[in-house]
Amino acid sequence: APYIQLASGAANSVASLAGTLTLKSTQTDIHGLNSIRGYQQTILQSGHIRFTSPEIDRASGLAVDGDLVLKASVIYPGSQINATVTAGNSITIQQNGGASLPLSAAGSLTLRAPVITQNGTLASPFGSIMLDASSSLTLAAGSITSVSGAGLTALYGTLLNGESWQVDPGPGAPVAIASLPEKKITLNGSNVAVEEGSVVDISGGGDLRGFKKVVPNSAV
């Protein structure tokens, strides 16, 4: 399909697993908190895989039983989205075409499973990425795990009266921006292997810009 949006909501895991579910699209949005249950293996193959949210707390995620394979040109959270992906057995990231920098800022992306194999492109410009494996974590040669905004110009926050730069944190009132979002990559695992040729990028670069609505004066 050209486009798939997952917006099924969360469900509890099941004990008996069987079969493989494969979803293929040009663009996949994982909207809010979702789960896919009962399959031994779940495969999402897409151009971009993006995490979005309808909720004020900006939570998004996908939980599956068994093994999860995410095959995409780039996997990323939308701006200020807090995304979490979990699998009962393993998560494998695979590359699908050339990667491009997503228009996103200050999101977070967490992958959590006993075994994680990162062999694709994970991006969270100006944000954070955590790969949390209770057993083994592998960053394969050619993989890209990046929170850099180099080459990107993204909107972040609003300008109030041309004086104050504010951002909406979700619940609560907007707050003034005192500093740029923290960029961070965290790798957890009993056995962590970083292969030669893998890229972990926390470099600087890029531009964040606030926007302001301008209402023209009405004619008298």
C-alpha atoms as a PDB file:
ATOM      1  CA  ALA A   1       0.000   0.000   0.000  1.00  0.00           C
ATOM      2  CA  PRO A   2       1.191   3.589  -0.490  1.00  0.00           C
ATOM      3  CA  TYR A   3       0.392   4.473   3.122  1.00  0.00           C
ATOM      4  CA  ILE A   4      -0.255   2.593   6.373  1.00  0.00           C
ATOM      5  CA  GLN A   5      -1.218   4.126   9.692  1.00  0.00           C
ATOM      6  CA  LEU A   6      -1.213   1.970  12.805  1.00  0.00           C
ATOM      7  CA  ALA A   7      -3.695   3.357  15.306  1.00  0.00           C
ATOM      8  CA  SER A   8      -5.078   0.198  16.894  1.00  0.00           C
ATOM      9  CA  GLY A   9      -4.383   0.936  20.546  1.00  0.00           C
ATOM     10  CA  ALA A  10      -2.615  -1.286  23.070  1.00  0.00           C
ATOM     11  CA  ALA A  11      -3.415  -4.902  23.971  1.00  0.00           C
ATOM     12  CA  ASN A  12      -1.897  -7.496  26.292  1.00  0.00           C
ATOM     13  CA  SER A  13       0.589 -10.083  25.012  1.00  0.00           C
ATOM     14  CA  VAL A  14      -0.516 -13.672  24.338  1.00  0.00           C
ATOM     15  CA  ALA A  15       1.191 -16.918  25.307  1.00  0.00           C
ATOM     16  CA  SER A  16       0.880 -18.859  22.042  1.00  0.00           C
ATOM     17  CA  LEU A  17       2.614 -17.397  18.973  1.00  0.00           C
ATOM     18  CA  ALA A  18       2.418 -18.518  15.349  1.00  0.00           C
ATOM     19  CA  GLY A  19       2.981 -17.254  11.820  1.00  0.00           C
ATOM     20  CA  THR A  20       4.348 -14.055  10.316  1.00  0.00           C
ATOM     21  CA  LEU A  21       2.608 -10.735   9.702  1.00  0.00           C
ATOM     22  CA  THR A  22       4.121  -8.526   6.971  1.00  0.00           C
ATOM     23  CA  LEU A  23       3.003  -4.948   6.326  1.00  0.00           C
ATOM     24  CA  LYS A  24       4.488  -3.114   3.321  1.00  0.00           C
ATOM     25  CA  SER A  25       4.025   0.528   2.356  1.00  0.00           C
ATOM     26  CA  THR A  26       5.780   3.603   1.021  1.00  0.00           C
ATOM     27  CA  GLN A  27       5.126   5.533   4.261  1.00  0.00           C
ATOM     28  CA  THR A  28       4.148   4.113   7.666  1.00  0.00           C
ATOM     29  CA  ASP A  29       2.927   6.186  10.608  1.00  0.00           C
ATOM     30  CA  ILE A  30       2.691   4.599  14.038  1.00  0.00           C
ATOM     31  CA  HIS A  31       0.089   6.866  15.633  1.00  0.00           C
ATOM     32  CA  GLY A  32      -0.188   6.717  19.394  1.00  0.00           C
ATOM     33  CA  LEU A  33       0.322   3.523  21.404  1.00  0.00           C
ATOM     34  CA  ASN A  34      -0.164   0.317  19.410  1.00  0.00           C
ATOM     35  CA  SER A  35       0.365  -3.408  19.746  1.00  0.00           C
ATOM     36  CA  ILE A  36       0.437  -6.391  17.385  1.00  0.00           C
ATOM     37  CA  ARG A  37      -0.112  -9.669  19.212  1.00  0.00           C
ATOM     38  CA  GLY A  38      -0.021 -13.387  18.500  1.00  0.00           C
ATOM     39  CA  TYR A  39       2.587 -13.544  15.719  1.00  0.00           C
ATOM     40  CA  GLN A  40       5.954 -15.235  15.967  1.00  0.00           C
ATOM     41  CA  GLN A  41       7.361 -12.585  13.644  1.00  0.00           C
ATOM     42  CA  THR A  42       6.131  -9.120  12.656  1.00  0.00           C
ATOM     43  CA  ILE A  43       7.686  -7.317   9.671  1.00  0.00           C
ATOM     44  CA  LEU A  44       7.115  -3.664   8.801  1.00  0.00           C
ATOM     45  CA  GLN A  45       8.671  -2.697   5.470  1.00  0.00           C
ATOM     46  CA  SER A  46       8.405   0.913   4.380  1.00  0.00           C
ATOM     47  CA  GLY A  47      10.143   4.006   3.082  1.00  0.00           C
ATOM     48  CA  HIS A  48       9.905   6.097   6.236  1.00  0.00           C
ATOM     49  CA  ILE A  49       8.593   4.750   9.537  1.00  0.00           C
ATOM     50  CA  ARG A  50       7.476   7.712  11.634  1.00  0.00           C
ATOM     51  CA  PHE A  51       6.060   7.850  15.158  1.00  0.00           C
ATOM     52  CA  THR A  52       3.267  10.365  15.812  1.00  0.00           C
ATOM     53  CA  SER A  53       0.735  10.891  18.568  1.00  0.00           C
ATOM     54  CA  PRO A  54      -2.766  12.306  19.055  1.00  0.00           C
ATOM     55  CA  GLU A  55      -2.235  12.637  22.802  1.00  0.00           C
ATOM     56  CA  ILE A  56      -1.159  15.683  24.769  1.00  0.00           C
ATOM     57  CA  ASP A  57       1.692  13.698  26.392  1.00  0.00           C
ATOM     58  CA  ARG A  58       2.965  12.877  22.881  1.00  0.00           C
ATOM     59  CA  ALA A  59       3.436   9.173  23.625  1.00  0.00           C
ATOM     60  CA  SER A  60       3.756   6.820  20.668  1.00  0.00           C
ATOM     61  CA  GLY A  61       4.897   3.245  20.351  1.00  0.00           C
ATOM     62  CA  LEU A  62       4.588  -0.297  19.122  1.00  0.00           C
ATOM     63  CA  ALA A  63       4.653  -3.493  21.195  1.00  0.00           C
ATOM     64  CA  VAL A  64       4.822  -6.936  19.598  1.00  0.00           C
ATOM     65  CA  ASP A  65       5.213 -10.523  20.707  1.00  0.00           C
ATOM     66  CA  GLY A  66       8.048 -12.599  19.281  1.00  0.00           C
ATOM     67  CA  ASP A  67      10.433 -11.021  16.764  1.00  0.00           C
ATOM     68  CA  LEU A  68      10.058  -7.600  15.154  1.00  0.00           C
ATOM     69  CA  VAL A  69      11.741  -6.566  11.898  1.00  0.00           C
ATOM     70  CA  LEU A  70      11.623  -2.895  10.902  1.00  0.00           C
ATOM     71  CA  LYS A  71      12.887  -2.358   7.365  1.00  0.00           C
ATOM     72  CA  ALA A  72      12.915   1.286   6.262  1.00  0.00           C
ATOM     73  CA  SER A  73      15.048   4.027   4.762  1.00  0.00           C
ATOM     74  CA  VAL A  74      14.804   5.855   8.110  1.00  0.00           C
ATOM     75  CA  ILE A  75      12.959   5.304  11.405  1.00  0.00           C
ATOM     76  CA  TYR A  76      12.286   8.375  13.529  1.00  0.00           C
ATOM     77  CA  PRO A  77       9.970  10.094  16.023  1.00  0.00           C
ATOM     78  CA  GLY A  78       8.089  13.203  14.958  1.00  0.00           C
ATOM     79  CA  SER A  79       8.936  16.480  16.653  1.00  0.00           C
ATOM     80  CA  GLN A  80       8.691  16.204  20.454  1.00  0.00           C
ATOM     81  CA  ILE A  81       7.242  12.678  20.181  1.00  0.00           C
ATOM     82  CA  ASN A  82       8.281  10.129  22.817  1.00  0.00           C
ATOM     83  CA  ALA A  83       8.345   6.803  20.976  1.00  0.00           C
ATOM     84  CA  THR A  84       8.971   3.339  22.433  1.00  0.00           C
ATOM     85  CA  VAL A  85       9.234   0.041  20.539  1.00  0.00           C
ATOM     86  CA  THR A  86       9.247  -3.277  22.419  1.00  0.00           C
ATOM     87  CA  ALA A  87       9.412  -6.918  21.344  1.00  0.00           C
ATOM     88  CA  GLY A  88       9.230 -10.141  23.303  1.00  0.00           C
ATOM     89  CA  ASN A  89      12.245 -11.759  21.632  1.00  0.00           C
ATOM     90  CA  SER A  90      14.160  -9.470  19.297  1.00  0.00           C
ATOM     91  CA  ILE A  91      14.169  -6.264  17.259  1.00  0.00           C
ATOM     92  CA  THR A  92      16.039  -6.123  13.956  1.00  0.00           C
ATOM     93  CA  ILE A  93      16.472  -2.881  12.019  1.00  0.00           C
ATOM     94  CA  GLN A  94      17.211  -3.272   8.297  1.00  0.00           C
ATOM     95  CA  GLN A  95      17.956  -0.675   5.623  1.00  0.00           C
ATOM     96  CA  ASN A  96      15.444  -0.187   2.794  1.00  0.00           C
ATOM     97  CA  GLY A  97      16.793   2.287   0.240  1.00  0.00           C
ATOM     98  CA  GLY A  98      18.783   5.455   0.758  1.00  0.00           C
ATOM     99  CA  ALA A  99      18.383   7.331   4.034  1.00  0.00           C
ATOM    100  CA  SER A 100      17.347  10.984   4.221  1.00  0.00           C
ATOM    101  CA  LEU A 101      17.288  13.324   7.209  1.00  0.00           C
ATOM    102  CA  PRO A 102      13.726  13.643   8.576  1.00  0.00           C
ATOM    103  CA  LEU A 103      12.107  16.996   9.357  1.00  0.00           C
ATOM    104  CA  SER A 104      11.869  16.403  13.084  1.00  0.00           C
ATOM    105  CA  ALA A 105      13.252  17.898  16.277  1.00  0.00           C
ATOM    106  CA  ALA A 106      13.552  17.066  19.988  1.00  0.00           C
ATOM    107  CA  GLY A 107      11.907  13.653  19.864  1.00  0.00           C
ATOM    108  CA  SER A 108      12.959  10.497  21.671  1.00  0.00           C
ATOM    109  CA  LEU A 109      13.156   6.944  20.333  1.00  0.00           C
ATOM    110  CA  THR A 110      13.583   3.890  22.585  1.00  0.00           C
ATOM    111  CA  LEU A 111      13.969   0.306  21.362  1.00  0.00           C
ATOM    112  CA  ARG A 112      13.655  -2.395  24.012  1.00  0.00           C
ATOM    113  CA  ALA A 113      14.012  -6.185  23.588  1.00  0.00           C
ATOM    114  CA  PRO A 114      16.236  -9.049  24.778  1.00  0.00           C
ATOM    115  CA  VAL A 115      18.172  -8.930  21.483  1.00  0.00           C
ATOM    116  CA  ILE A 116      18.553  -5.843  19.265  1.00  0.00           C
ATOM    117  CA  THR A 117      20.362  -5.814  15.915  1.00  0.00           C
ATOM    118  CA  GLN A 118      20.710  -2.346  14.403  1.00  0.00           C
ATOM    119  CA  ASN A 119      21.526  -2.650  10.696  1.00  0.00           C
ATOM    120  CA  GLY A 120      19.621   0.349   9.335  1.00  0.00           C
ATOM    121  CA  THR A 121      19.064   4.045  10.016  1.00  0.00           C
ATOM    122  CA  LEU A 122      17.633   5.402  13.266  1.00  0.00           C
ATOM    123  CA  ALA A 123      17.345   9.182  13.545  1.00  0.00           C
ATOM    124  CA  SER A 124      16.115  11.618  16.156  1.00  0.00           C
ATOM    125  CA  PRO A 125      17.499  15.032  15.174  1.00  0.00           C
ATOM    126  CA  PHE A 126      18.197  17.282  18.181  1.00  0.00           C
ATOM    127  CA  GLY A 127      16.757  14.497  20.370  1.00  0.00           C
ATOM    128  CA  SER A 128      17.631  11.171  21.972  1.00  0.00           C
ATOM    129  CA  ILE A 129      17.875   7.481  21.086  1.00  0.00           C
ATOM    130  CA  MET A 130      18.074   4.569  23.520  1.00  0.00           C
ATOM    131  CA  LEU A 131      18.766   0.968  22.480  1.00  0.00           C
ATOM    132  CA  ASP A 132      17.990  -1.173  25.525  1.00  0.00           C
ATOM    133  CA  ALA A 133      18.778  -4.881  25.141  1.00  0.00           C
ATOM    134  CA  SER A 134      18.569  -7.141  28.172  1.00  0.00           C
ATOM    135  CA  SER A 135      20.862  -9.657  26.414  1.00  0.00           C
ATOM    136  CA  SER A 136      22.784  -8.553  23.313  1.00  0.00           C
ATOM    137  CA  LEU A 137      22.985  -5.367  21.270  1.00  0.00           C
ATOM    138  CA  THR A 138      24.751  -5.188  17.897  1.00  0.00           C
ATOM    139  CA  LEU A 139      25.425  -2.094  15.817  1.00  0.00           C
ATOM    140  CA  ALA A 140      26.221  -3.649  12.457  1.00  0.00           C
ATOM    141  CA  ALA A 141      28.620  -2.248   9.871  1.00  0.00           C
ATOM    142  CA  GLY A 142      26.904   0.411   7.770  1.00  0.00           C
ATOM    143  CA  SER A 143      24.218   1.184  10.355  1.00  0.00           C
ATOM    144  CA  ILE A 144      23.484   4.803  11.323  1.00  0.00           C
ATOM    145  CA  THR A 145      22.258   5.814  14.768  1.00  0.00           C
ATOM    146  CA  SER A 146      22.045   9.598  14.777  1.00  0.00           C
ATOM    147  CA  VAL A 147      20.747  12.518  16.814  1.00  0.00           C
ATOM    148  CA  SER A 148      22.625  15.065  14.730  1.00  0.00           C
ATOM    149  CA  GLY A 149      20.750  17.860  12.990  1.00  0.00           C
ATOM    150  CA  ALA A 150      23.532  18.585  10.493  1.00  0.00           C
ATOM    151  CA  GLY A 151      22.068  19.894   7.224  1.00  0.00           C
ATOM    152  CA  LEU A 152      18.562  20.223   8.691  1.00  0.00           C
ATOM    153  CA  THR A 153      16.410  23.322   9.241  1.00  0.00           C
ATOM    154  CA  ALA A 154      13.413  22.429  11.420  1.00  0.00           C
ATOM    155  CA  LEU A 155      10.637  24.323  13.180  1.00  0.00           C
ATOM    156  CA  TYR A 156      10.722  24.135  16.971  1.00  0.00           C
ATOM    157  CA  GLY A 157       8.558  26.246  19.224  1.00  0.00           C
ATOM    158  CA  THR A 158       6.866  29.576  18.667  1.00  0.00           C
ATOM    159  CA  LEU A 159       7.773  33.254  19.006  1.00  0.00           C
ATOM    160  CA  LEU A 160       5.648  35.268  21.413  1.00  0.00           C
ATOM    161  CA  ASN A 161       5.477  38.999  20.685  1.00  0.00           C
ATOM    162  CA  GLY A 162       8.778  38.674  18.858  1.00  0.00           C
ATOM    163  CA  GLU A 163      10.567  38.459  22.216  1.00  0.00           C
ATOM    164  CA  SER A 164      10.095  35.053  23.845  1.00  0.00           C
ATOM    165  CA  TRP A 165      10.848  31.665  22.232  1.00  0.00           C
ATOM    166  CA  GLN A 166       8.491  29.084  23.701  1.00  0.00           C
ATOM    167  CA  VAL A 167       7.835  25.390  23.321  1.00  0.00           C
ATOM    168  CA  ASP A 168       4.744  23.401  24.255  1.00  0.00           C
ATOM    169  CA  PRO A 169       5.965  20.488  26.435  1.00  0.00           C
ATOM    170  CA  GLY A 170       2.664  18.599  26.236  1.00  0.00           C
ATOM    171  CA  PRO A 171       0.712  18.756  29.503  1.00  0.00           C
ATOM    172  CA  GLY A 172       0.792  22.217  31.018  1.00  0.00           C
ATOM    173  CA  ALA A 173       1.447  25.675  29.685  1.00  0.00           C
ATOM    174  CA  PRO A 174       4.155  26.539  27.133  1.00  0.00           C
ATOM    175  CA  VAL A 175       7.582  27.197  28.638  1.00  0.00           C
ATOM    176  CA  ALA A 176      10.344  29.533  27.541  1.00  0.00           C
ATOM    177  CA  ILE A 177      13.266  27.902  25.750  1.00  0.00           C
ATOM    178  CA  ALA A 178      16.389  28.533  27.812  1.00  0.00           C
ATOM    179  CA  SER A 179      18.649  26.114  25.948  1.00  0.00           C
ATOM    180  CA  LEU A 180      18.619  23.769  22.981  1.00  0.00           C
ATOM    181  CA  PRO A 181      17.275  20.211  23.429  1.00  0.00           C
ATOM    182  CA  GLU A 182      19.797  17.709  24.784  1.00  0.00           C
ATOM    183  CA  LYS A 183      21.188  15.259  22.234  1.00  0.00           C
ATOM    184  CA  LYS A 184      21.898  11.818  23.648  1.00  0.00           C
ATOM    185  CA  ILE A 185      22.429   8.220  22.510  1.00  0.00           C
ATOM    186  CA  THR A 186      22.295   5.440  25.114  1.00  0.00           C
ATOM    187  CA  LEU A 187      23.398   1.854  24.413  1.00  0.00           C
ATOM    188  CA  ASN A 188      22.446  -0.758  27.018  1.00  0.00           C
ATOM    189  CA  GLY A 189      23.088  -4.500  26.919  1.00  0.00           C
ATOM    190  CA  SER A 190      24.850  -7.356  28.682  1.00  0.00           C
ATOM    191  CA  ASN A 191      26.834  -7.787  25.473  1.00  0.00           C
ATOM    192  CA  VAL A 192      27.265  -4.704  23.257  1.00  0.00           C
ATOM    193  CA  ALA A 193      29.052  -5.057  19.904  1.00  0.00           C
ATOM    194  CA  VAL A 194      29.827  -1.952  17.838  1.00  0.00           C
ATOM    195  CA  GLU A 195      31.126  -3.195  14.497  1.00  0.00           C
ATOM    196  CA  GLU A 196      33.627  -1.297  12.412  1.00  0.00           C
ATOM    197  CA  GLY A 197      31.795   0.884   9.905  1.00  0.00           C
ATOM    198  CA  SER A 198      28.781   1.542  12.126  1.00  0.00           C
ATOM    199  CA  VAL A 199      28.006   5.201  12.808  1.00  0.00           C
ATOM    200  CA  VAL A 200      26.899   6.673  16.145  1.00  0.00           C
ATOM    201  CA  ASP A 201      26.433  10.385  15.480  1.00  0.00           C
ATOM    202  CA  ILE A 202      25.896  13.005  18.183  1.00  0.00           C
ATOM    203  CA  SER A 203      27.594  15.790  16.235  1.00  0.00           C
ATOM    204  CA  GLY A 204      26.333  19.371  16.070  1.00  0.00           C
ATOM    205  CA  GLY A 205      24.954  21.304  13.141  1.00  0.00           C
ATOM    206  CA  GLY A 206      21.553  22.213  11.771  1.00  0.00           C
ATOM    207  CA  ASP A 207      19.128  25.015  12.599  1.00  0.00           C
ATOM    208  CA  LEU A 208      16.069  25.193  14.836  1.00  0.00           C
ATOM    209  CA  ARG A 209      13.681  28.046  14.116  1.00  0.00           C
ATOM    210  CA  GLY A 210      10.614  29.307  15.920  1.00  0.00           C
ATOM    211  CA  PHE A 211       7.535  30.340  14.003  1.00  0.00           C
ATOM    212  CA  LYS A 212       5.092  33.170  14.540  1.00  0.00           C
ATOM    213  CA  LYS A 213       1.623  33.730  13.194  1.00  0.00           C
ATOM    214  CA  VAL A 214       1.198  37.138  11.622  1.00  0.00           C
ATOM    215  CA  VAL A 215      -2.374  38.431  11.425  1.00  0.00           C
ATOM    216  CA  PRO A 216      -2.757  41.356   8.991  1.00  0.00           C
ATOM    217  CA  ASN A 217      -4.589  44.451  10.161  1.00  0.00           C
ATOM    218  CA  SER A 218      -8.171  44.518   8.989  1.00  0.00           C
ATOM    219  CA  ALA A 219      -9.218  47.354   6.726  1.00  0.00           C
ATOM    220  CA  VAL A 220     -10.928  50.245   8.497  1.00  0.00           C
END
